[in-house]
PDB file of N, CA and C in Angstrom:
ATOM      1  N   MET A   1      77.133  87.314 120.257  1.00  0.00           N
ATOM      2  CA  MET A   1      78.011  87.741 119.186  1.00  0.00           C
ATOM      3  C   MET A   1      78.587  89.110 119.554  1.00  0.00           C
ATOM      4  N   SER A   2      79.895  89.212 119.558  1.00  0.00           N
ATOM      5  CA  SER A   2      80.537  90.487 119.871  1.00  0.00           C
ATOM      6  C   SER A   2      81.055  91.133 118.592  1.00  0.00           C
ATOM      7  N   SER A   3      81.170  92.443 118.620  1.00  0.00           N
ATOM      8  CA  SER A   3      81.652  93.144 117.433  1.00  0.00           C
ATOM      9  C   SER A   3      82.652  94.219 117.822  1.00  0.00           C
ATOM     10  N   ILE A   4      83.564  94.489 116.920  1.00  0.00           N
ATOM     11  CA  ILE A   4      84.584  95.513 117.094  1.00  0.00           C
ATOM     12  C   ILE A   4      84.529  96.424 115.878  1.00  0.00           C
ATOM     13  N   VAL A   5      84.583  97.725 116.124  1.00  0.00           N
ATOM     14  CA  VAL A   5      84.484  98.718 115.051  1.00  0.00           C
ATOM     15  C   VAL A   5      85.841  99.385 114.879  1.00  0.00           C
ATOM     16  N   ILE A   6      86.283  99.507 113.630  1.00  0.00           N
ATOM     17  CA  ILE A   6      87.537 100.185 113.305  1.00  0.00           C
ATOM     18  C   ILE A   6      87.190 101.410 112.463  1.00  0.00           C
ATOM     19  N   ASP A   7      87.482 102.589 112.992  1.00  0.00           N
ATOM     20  CA  ASP A   7      87.211 103.845 112.288  1.00  0.00           C
ATOM     21  C   ASP A   7      88.335 104.075 111.281  1.00  0.00           C
ATOM     22  N   VAL A   8      87.996 104.092 110.002  1.00  0.00           N
ATOM     23  CA  VAL A   8      88.998 104.215 108.939  1.00  0.00           C
ATOM     24  C   VAL A   8      88.809 105.494 108.124  1.00  0.00           C
ATOM     25  N   SER A   9      88.235 106.525 108.720  1.00  0.00           N
ATOM     26  CA  SER A   9      87.957 107.752 107.967  1.00  0.00           C
ATOM     27  C   SER A   9      89.243 108.419 107.467  1.00  0.00           C
ATOM     28  N   ASP A  10      90.348 108.355 108.231  1.00  0.00           N
ATOM     29  CA  ASP A  10      91.610 108.922 107.756  1.00  0.00           C
ATOM     30  C   ASP A  10      92.277 108.053 106.697  1.00  0.00           C
ATOM     31  N   LEU A  11      92.000 106.758 106.712  1.00  0.00           N
ATOM     32  CA  LEU A  11      92.579 105.832 105.731  1.00  0.00           C
ATOM     33  C   LEU A  11      91.991 106.056 104.344  1.00  0.00           C
ATOM     34  N   ARG A  12      90.775 106.562 104.265  1.00  0.00           N
ATOM     35  CA  ARG A  12      90.107 106.773 102.979  1.00  0.00           C
ATOM     36  C   ARG A  12      90.842 107.762 102.089  1.00  0.00           C
ATOM     37  N   SER A  13      91.594 108.694 102.690  1.00  0.00           N
ATOM     38  CA  SER A  13      92.269 109.716 101.891  1.00  0.00           C
ATOM     39  C   SER A  13      93.517 109.177 101.187  1.00  0.00           C
ATOM     40  N   TYR A  14      93.912 107.939 101.477  1.00  0.00           N
ATOM     41  CA  TYR A  14      95.071 107.326 100.847  1.00  0.00           C
ATOM     42  C   TYR A  14      94.620 106.302  99.819  1.00  0.00           C
ATOM     43  N   GLU A  15      95.236 106.323  98.661  1.00  0.00           N
ATOM     44  CA  GLU A  15      95.095 105.324  97.597  1.00  0.00           C
ATOM     45  C   GLU A  15      93.781 104.547  97.609  1.00  0.00           C
ATOM     46  N   GLY A  16      92.783 105.053  97.018  1.00  0.00           N
ATOM     47  CA  GLY A  16      91.428 104.558  96.897  1.00  0.00           C
ATOM     48  C   GLY A  16      90.977 103.238  97.485  1.00  0.00           C
ATOM     49  N   GLU A  17      91.671 102.138  97.264  1.00  0.00           N
ATOM     50  CA  GLU A  17      91.186 100.817  97.640  1.00  0.00           C
ATOM     51  C   GLU A  17      91.677 100.348  99.017  1.00  0.00           C
ATOM     52  N   CYS A  18      92.232 101.218  99.828  1.00  0.00           N
ATOM     53  CA  CYS A  18      92.818 100.809 101.111  1.00  0.00           C
ATOM     54  C   CYS A  18      91.803 100.194 102.057  1.00  0.00           C
ATOM     55  N   VAL A  19      90.597 100.710 102.097  1.00  0.00           N
ATOM     56  CA  VAL A  19      89.590 100.181 103.021  1.00  0.00           C
ATOM     57  C   VAL A  19      89.197  98.763 102.614  1.00  0.00           C
ATOM     58  N   LYS A  20      89.020  98.532 101.315  1.00  0.00           N
ATOM     59  CA  LYS A  20      88.693  97.184 100.837  1.00  0.00           C
ATOM     60  C   LYS A  20      89.860  96.234 101.068  1.00  0.00           C
ATOM     61  N   ASP A  21      91.088  96.727 100.875  1.00  0.00           N
ATOM     62  CA  ASP A  21      92.269  95.902 101.128  1.00  0.00           C
ATOM     63  C   ASP A  21      92.363  95.520 102.597  1.00  0.00           C
ATOM     64  N   LEU A  22      92.061  96.457 103.488  1.00  0.00           N
ATOM     65  CA  LEU A  22      92.073  96.177 104.926  1.00  0.00           C
ATOM     66  C   LEU A  22      91.021  95.134 105.269  1.00  0.00           C
ATOM     67  N   ALA A  23      89.839  95.251 104.702  1.00  0.00           N
ATOM     68  CA  ALA A  23      88.769  94.286 104.980  1.00  0.00           C
ATOM     69  C   ALA A  23      89.157  92.886 104.519  1.00  0.00           C
ATOM     70  N   SER A  24      89.743  92.764 103.341  1.00  0.00           N
ATOM     71  CA  SER A  24      90.151  91.442 102.860  1.00  0.00           C
ATOM     72  C   SER A  24      91.332  90.895 103.660  1.00  0.00           C
ATOM     73  N   PHE A  25      92.253  91.764 104.095  1.00  0.00           N
ATOM     74  CA  PHE A  25      93.386  91.367 104.928  1.00  0.00           C
ATOM     75  C   PHE A  25      92.895  90.773 106.249  1.00  0.00           C
ATOM     76  N   LEU A  26      91.942  91.451 106.882  1.00  0.00           N
ATOM     77  CA  LEU A  26      91.410  90.967 108.158  1.00  0.00           C
ATOM     78  C   LEU A  26      90.580  89.704 107.990  1.00  0.00           C
ATOM     79  N   GLU A  27      89.850  89.613 106.885  1.00  0.00           N
ATOM     80  CA  GLU A  27      89.005  88.445 106.644  1.00  0.00           C
ATOM     81  C   GLU A  27      89.847  87.178 106.482  1.00  0.00           C
ATOM     82  N   LYS A  28      91.019  87.310 105.852  1.00  0.00           N
ATOM     83  CA  LYS A  28      91.907  86.163 105.675  1.00  0.00           C
ATOM     84  C   LYS A  28      92.475  85.672 106.996  1.00  0.00           C
ATOM     85  N   ARG A  29      92.721  86.589 107.937  1.00  0.00           N
ATOM     86  CA  ARG A  29      93.451  86.245 109.155  1.00  0.00           C
ATOM     87  C   ARG A  29      92.586  86.030 110.389  1.00  0.00           C
ATOM     88  N   LEU A  30      91.325  86.427 110.333  1.00  0.00           N
ATOM     89  CA  LEU A  30      90.467  86.306 111.509  1.00  0.00           C
ATOM     90  C   LEU A  30      89.319  85.346 111.257  1.00  0.00           C
ATOM     91  N   ASP A  31      88.820  84.780 112.342  1.00  0.00           N
ATOM     92  CA  ASP A  31      87.719  83.833 112.277  1.00  0.00           C
ATOM     93  C   ASP A  31      86.418  84.563 112.602  1.00  0.00           C
ATOM     94  N   GLY A  32      86.000  85.439 111.704  1.00  0.00           N
ATOM     95  CA  GLY A  32      84.787  86.213 111.951  1.00  0.00           C
ATOM     96  C   GLY A  32      84.301  86.856 110.666  1.00  0.00           C
ATOM     97  N   THR A  33      83.251  87.642 110.792  1.00  0.00           N
ATOM     98  CA  THR A  33      82.662  88.329 109.651  1.00  0.00           C
ATOM     99  C   THR A  33      83.169  89.758 109.597  1.00  0.00           C
ATOM    100  N   VAL A  34      83.635  90.183 108.421  1.00  0.00           N
ATOM    101  CA  VAL A  34      84.164  91.536 108.233  1.00  0.00           C
ATOM    102  C   VAL A  34      83.227  92.291 107.298  1.00  0.00           C
ATOM    103  N   THR A  35      82.768  93.456 107.752  1.00  0.00           N
ATOM    104  CA  THR A  35      81.886  94.297 106.954  1.00  0.00           C
ATOM    105  C   THR A  35      82.522  95.670 106.801  1.00  0.00           C
ATOM    106  N   ALA A  36      82.692  96.118 105.556  1.00  0.00           N
ATOM    107  CA  ALA A  36      83.323  97.409 105.292  1.00  0.00           C
ATOM    108  C   ALA A  36      82.283  98.405 104.803  1.00  0.00           C
ATOM    109  N   SER A  37      82.347  99.617 105.338  1.00  0.00           N
ATOM    110  CA  SER A  37      81.535 100.725 104.855  1.00  0.00           C
ATOM    111  C   SER A  37      82.465 101.892 104.583  1.00  0.00           C
ATOM    112  N   LYS A  38      81.925 103.064 104.313  1.00  0.00           N
ATOM    113  CA  LYS A  38      82.766 104.191 103.931  1.00  0.00           C
ATOM    114  C   LYS A  38      83.690 104.652 105.045  1.00  0.00           C
ATOM    115  N   LYS A  39      83.188 104.713 106.275  1.00  0.00           N
ATOM    116  CA  LYS A  39      83.991 105.267 107.360  1.00  0.00           C
ATOM    117  C   LYS A  39      84.419 104.260 108.403  1.00  0.00           C
ATOM    118  N   GLU A  40      83.976 103.011 108.310  1.00  0.00           N
ATOM    119  CA  GLU A  40      84.356 102.038 109.327  1.00  0.00           C
ATOM    120  C   GLU A  40      84.349 100.616 108.788  1.00  0.00           C
ATOM    121  N   VAL A  41      85.115  99.787 109.474  1.00  0.00           N
ATOM    122  CA  VAL A  41      85.139  98.352 109.206  1.00  0.00           C
ATOM    123  C   VAL A  41      84.652  97.692 110.489  1.00  0.00           C
ATOM    124  N   THR A  42      83.658  96.813 110.374  1.00  0.00           N
ATOM    125  CA  THR A  42      83.089  96.151 111.541  1.00  0.00           C
ATOM    126  C   THR A  42      83.455  94.675 111.511  1.00  0.00           C
ATOM    127  N   LEU A  43      83.966  94.179 112.636  1.00  0.00           N
ATOM    128  CA  LEU A  43      84.314  92.779 112.788  1.00  0.00           C
ATOM    129  C   LEU A  43      83.316  92.146 113.738  1.00  0.00           C
ATOM    130  N   ALA A  44      82.669  91.065 113.337  1.00  0.00           N
ATOM    131  CA  ALA A  44      81.708  90.368 114.181  1.00  0.00           C
ATOM    132  C   ALA A  44      82.235  88.964 114.454  1.00  0.00           C
ATOM    133  N   PHE A  45      82.256  88.598 115.728  1.00  0.00           N
ATOM    134  CA  PHE A  45      82.771  87.293 116.138  1.00  0.00           C
ATOM    135  C   PHE A  45      81.694  86.513 116.860  1.00  0.00           C
ATOM    136  N   GLU A  46      81.738  85.174 116.724  1.00  0.00           N
ATOM    137  CA  GLU A  46      80.845  84.309 117.488  1.00  0.00           C
ATOM    138  C   GLU A  46      81.374  84.208 118.915  1.00  0.00           C
ATOM    139  N   GLU A  47      80.507  83.810 119.824  1.00  0.00           N
ATOM    140  CA  GLU A  47      80.916  83.664 121.218  1.00  0.00           C
ATOM    141  C   GLU A  47      82.030  82.623 121.325  1.00  0.00           C
ATOM    142  N   GLY A  48      83.086  82.985 122.045  1.00  0.00           N
ATOM    143  CA  GLY A  48      84.201  82.070 122.253  1.00  0.00           C
ATOM    144  C   GLY A  48      85.270  82.122 121.180  1.00  0.00           C
ATOM    145  N   LYS A  49      85.024  82.824 120.076  1.00  0.00           N
ATOM    146  CA  LYS A  49      86.000  82.899 118.988  1.00  0.00           C
ATOM    147  C   LYS A  49      86.521  84.309 118.773  1.00  0.00           C
ATOM    148  N   GLU A  50      86.373  85.178 119.787  1.00  0.00           N
ATOM    149  CA  GLU A  50      86.825  86.553 119.652  1.00  0.00           C
ATOM    150  C   GLU A  50      88.344  86.620 119.598  1.00  0.00           C
ATOM    151  N   ALA A  51      88.848  87.578 118.868  1.00  0.00           N
ATOM    152  CA  ALA A  51      90.286  87.849 118.828  1.00  0.00           C
ATOM    153  C   ALA A  51      90.597  88.849 119.932  1.00  0.00           C
ATOM    154  N   SER A  52      91.777  88.741 120.520  1.00  0.00           N
ATOM    155  CA  SER A  52      92.146  89.669 121.588  1.00  0.00           C
ATOM    156  C   SER A  52      92.444  91.044 120.996  1.00  0.00           C
ATOM    157  N   ARG A  53      92.356  92.068 121.846  1.00  0.00           N
ATOM    158  CA  ARG A  53      92.628  93.434 121.401  1.00  0.00           C
ATOM    159  C   ARG A  53      94.066  93.576 120.925  1.00  0.00           C
ATOM    160  N   SER A  54      95.000  92.931 121.610  1.00  0.00           N
ATOM    161  CA  SER A  54      96.406  93.036 121.203  1.00  0.00           C
ATOM    162  C   SER A  54      96.635  92.369 119.848  1.00  0.00           C
ATOM    163  N   CYS A  55      95.942  91.276 119.588  1.00  0.00           N
ATOM    164  CA  CYS A  55      96.052  90.602 118.291  1.00  0.00           C
ATOM    165  C   CYS A  55      95.499  91.488 117.174  1.00  0.00           C
ATOM    166  N   LEU A  56      94.359  92.116 117.422  1.00  0.00           N
ATOM    167  CA  LEU A  56      93.764  93.004 116.413  1.00  0.00           C
ATOM    168  C   LEU A  56      94.653  94.210 116.147  1.00  0.00           C
ATOM    169  N   ARG A  57      95.198  94.790 117.207  1.00  0.00           N
ATOM    170  CA  ARG A  57      96.092  95.937 117.044  1.00  0.00           C
ATOM    171  C   ARG A  57      97.313  95.542 116.226  1.00  0.00           C
ATOM    172  N   LEU A  58      97.859  94.366 116.502  1.00  0.00           N
ATOM    173  CA  LEU A  58      99.015  93.874 115.756  1.00  0.00           C
ATOM    174  C   LEU A  58      98.676  93.671 114.282  1.00  0.00           C
ATOM    175  N   LEU A  59      97.513  93.093 113.999  1.00  0.00           N
ATOM    176  CA  LEU A  59      97.109  92.891 112.602  1.00  0.00           C
ATOM    177  C   LEU A  59      96.910  94.220 111.876  1.00  0.00           C
ATOM    178  N   LEU A  60      96.333  95.194 112.554  1.00  0.00           N
ATOM    179  CA  LEU A  60      96.149  96.510 111.923  1.00  0.00           C
ATOM    180  C   LEU A  60      97.497  97.162 111.640  1.00  0.00           C
ATOM    181  N   ARG A  61      98.436  97.030 112.562  1.00  0.00           N
ATOM    182  CA  ARG A  61      99.768  97.597 112.352  1.00  0.00           C
ATOM    183  C   ARG A  61     100.499  96.865 111.224  1.00  0.00           C
ATOM    184  N   LYS A  62     100.308  95.551 111.120  1.00  0.00           N
ATOM    185  CA  LYS A  62     100.905  94.784 110.018  1.00  0.00           C
ATOM    186  C   LYS A  62     100.364  95.249 108.673  1.00  0.00           C
ATOM    187  N   PHE A  63      99.058  95.501 108.619  1.00  0.00           N
ATOM    188  CA  PHE A  63      98.471  95.979 107.375  1.00  0.00           C
ATOM    189  C   PHE A  63      99.077  97.318 106.971  1.00  0.00           C
ATOM    190  N   LEU A  64      99.208  98.239 107.928  1.00  0.00           N
ATOM    191  CA  LEU A  64      99.793  99.546 107.615  1.00  0.00           C
ATOM    192  C   LEU A  64     101.224  99.394 107.122  1.00  0.00           C
ATOM    193  N   HIS A  65     101.965  98.467 107.705  1.00  0.00           N
ATOM    194  CA  HIS A  65     103.349  98.246 107.282  1.00  0.00           C
ATOM    195  C   HIS A  65     103.399  97.679 105.858  1.00  0.00           C
ATOM    196  N   GLN A  66     102.546  96.692 105.560  1.00  0.00           N
ATOM    197  CA  GLN A  66     102.539  96.084 104.226  1.00  0.00           C
ATOM    198  C   GLN A  66     102.070  97.063 103.156  1.00  0.00           C
ATOM    199  N   ALA A  67     101.201  97.990 103.523  1.00  0.00           N
ATOM    200  CA  ALA A  67     100.693  98.976 102.564  1.00  0.00           C
ATOM    201  C   ALA A  67     101.580 100.217 102.499  1.00  0.00           C
ATOM    202  N   ASP A  68     102.726 100.195 103.172  1.00  0.00           N
ATOM    203  CA  ASP A  68     103.670 101.323 103.230  1.00  0.00           C
ATOM    204  C   ASP A  68     103.006 102.599 103.735  1.00  0.00           C
ATOM    205  N   LEU A  69     102.150 102.453 104.729  1.00  0.00           N
ATOM    206  CA  LEU A  69     101.472 103.599 105.320  1.00  0.00           C
ATOM    207  C   LEU A  69     101.851 103.799 106.784  1.00  0.00           C
ATOM    208  N   LYS A  70     102.829 103.044 107.252  1.00  0.00           N
ATOM    209  CA  LYS A  70     103.195 103.096 108.668  1.00  0.00           C
ATOM    210  C   LYS A  70     103.765 104.453 109.070  1.00  0.00           C
ATOM    211  N   GLU A  71     104.402 105.147 108.148  1.00  0.00           N
ATOM    212  CA  GLU A  71     104.974 106.461 108.456  1.00  0.00           C
ATOM    213  C   GLU A  71     103.906 107.548 108.520  1.00  0.00           C
ATOM    214  N   GLU A  72     102.760 107.341 107.828  1.00  0.00           N
ATOM    215  CA  GLU A  72     101.722 108.358 107.782  1.00  0.00           C
ATOM    216  C   GLU A  72     100.579 108.118 108.756  1.00  0.00           C
ATOM    217  N   LEU A  73     100.306 106.857 109.096  1.00  0.00           N
ATOM    218  CA  LEU A  73      99.144 106.512 109.915  1.00  0.00           C
ATOM    219  C   LEU A  73      99.560 105.706 111.137  1.00  0.00           C
ATOM    220  N   ARG A  74      98.688 105.705 112.167  1.00  0.00           N
ATOM    221  CA  ARG A  74      98.930 104.917 113.365  1.00  0.00           C
ATOM    222  C   ARG A  74      97.607 104.357 113.864  1.00  0.00           C
ATOM    223  N   VAL A  75      97.677 103.325 114.703  1.00  0.00           N
ATOM    224  CA  VAL A  75      96.502 102.682 115.257  1.00  0.00           C
ATOM    225  C   VAL A  75      96.378 103.093 116.718  1.00  0.00           C
ATOM    226  N   ILE A  76      95.221 103.632 117.080  1.00  0.00           N
ATOM    227  CA  ILE A  76      94.983 103.986 118.477  1.00  0.00           C
ATOM    228  C   ILE A  76      93.662 103.368 118.930  1.00  0.00           C
ATOM    229  N   SER A  77      93.521 103.232 120.228  1.00  0.00           N
ATOM    230  CA  SER A  77      92.300 102.684 120.792  1.00  0.00           C
ATOM    231  C   SER A  77      91.208 103.735 120.746  1.00  0.00           C
ATOM    232  N   GLY A  78      90.025 103.330 120.362  1.00  0.00           N
ATOM    233  CA  GLY A  78      88.902 104.253 120.305  1.00  0.00           C
ATOM    234  C   GLY A  78      87.932 104.014 121.439  1.00  0.00           C
ATOM    235  N   GLY A  79      88.380 103.319 122.482  1.00  0.00           N
ATOM    236  CA  GLY A  79      87.497 102.963 123.581  1.00  0.00           C
ATOM    237  C   GLY A  79      87.272 101.465 123.575  1.00  0.00           C
ATOM    238  N   GLU A  80      86.292 101.035 124.333  1.00  0.00           N
ATOM    239  CA  GLU A  80      86.026  99.603 124.409  1.00  0.00           C
ATOM    240  C   GLU A  80      85.440  99.105 123.083  1.00  0.00           C
ATOM    241  N   ASN A  81      86.006  98.039 122.564  1.00  0.00           N
ATOM    242  CA  ASN A  81      85.567  97.408 121.318  1.00  0.00           C
ATOM    243  C   ASN A  81      85.652  98.318 120.101  1.00  0.00           C
ATOM    244  N   SER A  82      86.653  99.196 120.063  1.00  0.00           N
ATOM    245  CA  SER A  82      86.844 100.008 118.867  1.00  0.00           C
ATOM    246  C   SER A  82      88.305 100.450 118.744  1.00  0.00           C
ATOM    247  N   PHE A  83      88.717 100.626 117.510  1.00  0.00           N
ATOM    248  CA  PHE A  83      90.037 101.142 117.175  1.00  0.00           C
ATOM    249  C   PHE A  83      89.857 102.271 116.182  1.00  0.00           C
ATOM    250  N   THR A  84      90.868 103.125 116.092  1.00  0.00           N
ATOM    251  CA  THR A  84      90.854 104.229 115.139  1.00  0.00           C
ATOM    252  C   THR A  84      92.188 104.262 114.415  1.00  0.00           C
ATOM    253  N   ILE A  85      92.145 104.403 113.113  1.00  0.00           N
ATOM    254  CA  ILE A  85      93.366 104.599 112.335  1.00  0.00           C
ATOM    255  C   ILE A  85      93.453 106.094 112.058  1.00  0.00           C
ATOM    256  N   LYS A  86      94.442 106.732 112.677  1.00  0.00           N
ATOM    257  CA  LYS A  86      94.586 108.185 112.610  1.00  0.00           C
ATOM    258  C   LYS A  86      95.846 108.565 111.853  1.00  0.00           C
ATOM    259  N   GLU A  87      95.833 109.773 111.333  1.00  0.00           N
ATOM    260  CA  GLU A  87      96.999 110.316 110.657  1.00  0.00           C
ATOM    261  C   GLU A  87      98.000 110.784 111.705  1.00  0.00           C
ATOM    262  N   ARG A  88      99.276 110.516 111.466  1.00  0.00           N
ATOM    263  CA  ARG A  88     100.320 110.966 112.389  1.00  0.00           C
ATOM    264  C   ARG A  88     100.493 112.464 112.267  1.00  0.00           C
ATOM    265  N   LYS A  89     100.768 113.112 113.398  1.00  0.00           N
ATOM    266  CA  LYS A  89     101.045 114.537 113.370  1.00  0.00           C
ATOM    267  C   LYS A  89     102.484 114.743 112.901  1.00  0.00           C
ATOM    268  N   VAL A  90     102.670 115.713 112.043  1.00  0.00           N
ATOM    269  CA  VAL A  90     103.988 116.012 111.510  1.00  0.00           C
ATOM    270  C   VAL A  90     104.483 117.284 112.193  1.00  0.00           C
ATOM    271  N   TYR A  91     105.608 117.140 112.850  1.00  0.00           N
ATOM    272  CA  TYR A  91     106.201 118.291 113.539  1.00  0.00           C
ATOM    273  C   TYR A  91     107.326 118.845 112.692  1.00  0.00           C
ATOM    274  N   SER A  92     107.305 120.139 112.461  1.00  0.00           N
ATOM    275  CA  SER A  92     108.377 120.776 111.695  1.00  0.00           C
ATOM    276  C   SER A  92     109.215 121.620 112.630  1.00  0.00           C
ATOM    277  N   GLU A  93     110.478 121.692 112.337  1.00  0.00           N
ATOM    278  CA  GLU A  93     111.391 122.440 113.190  1.00  0.00           C
ATOM    279  C   GLU A  93     111.585 123.861 112.709  1.00  0.00           C
TER     280      GLU A  93
END
């Protein structure tokens, strides 16, 4: 059984239920177990049914777009078997 961890600590500061919404969004679209905690969402897959990293990244970006958070947050790789949802840096002129 393989697992992927998504760090959502920056997502918590936006509109209270975002972490639960992300967990339910992923649960509907993936063939695995989704577990949400305060700072991370863990995806567990059975052998042979893992989702590719590009598919997971695309789903995370779709969620940010549907929640109108694409301008404030971005998805980056957190290393092997992990992703991080980080706040975008705002540059002022």
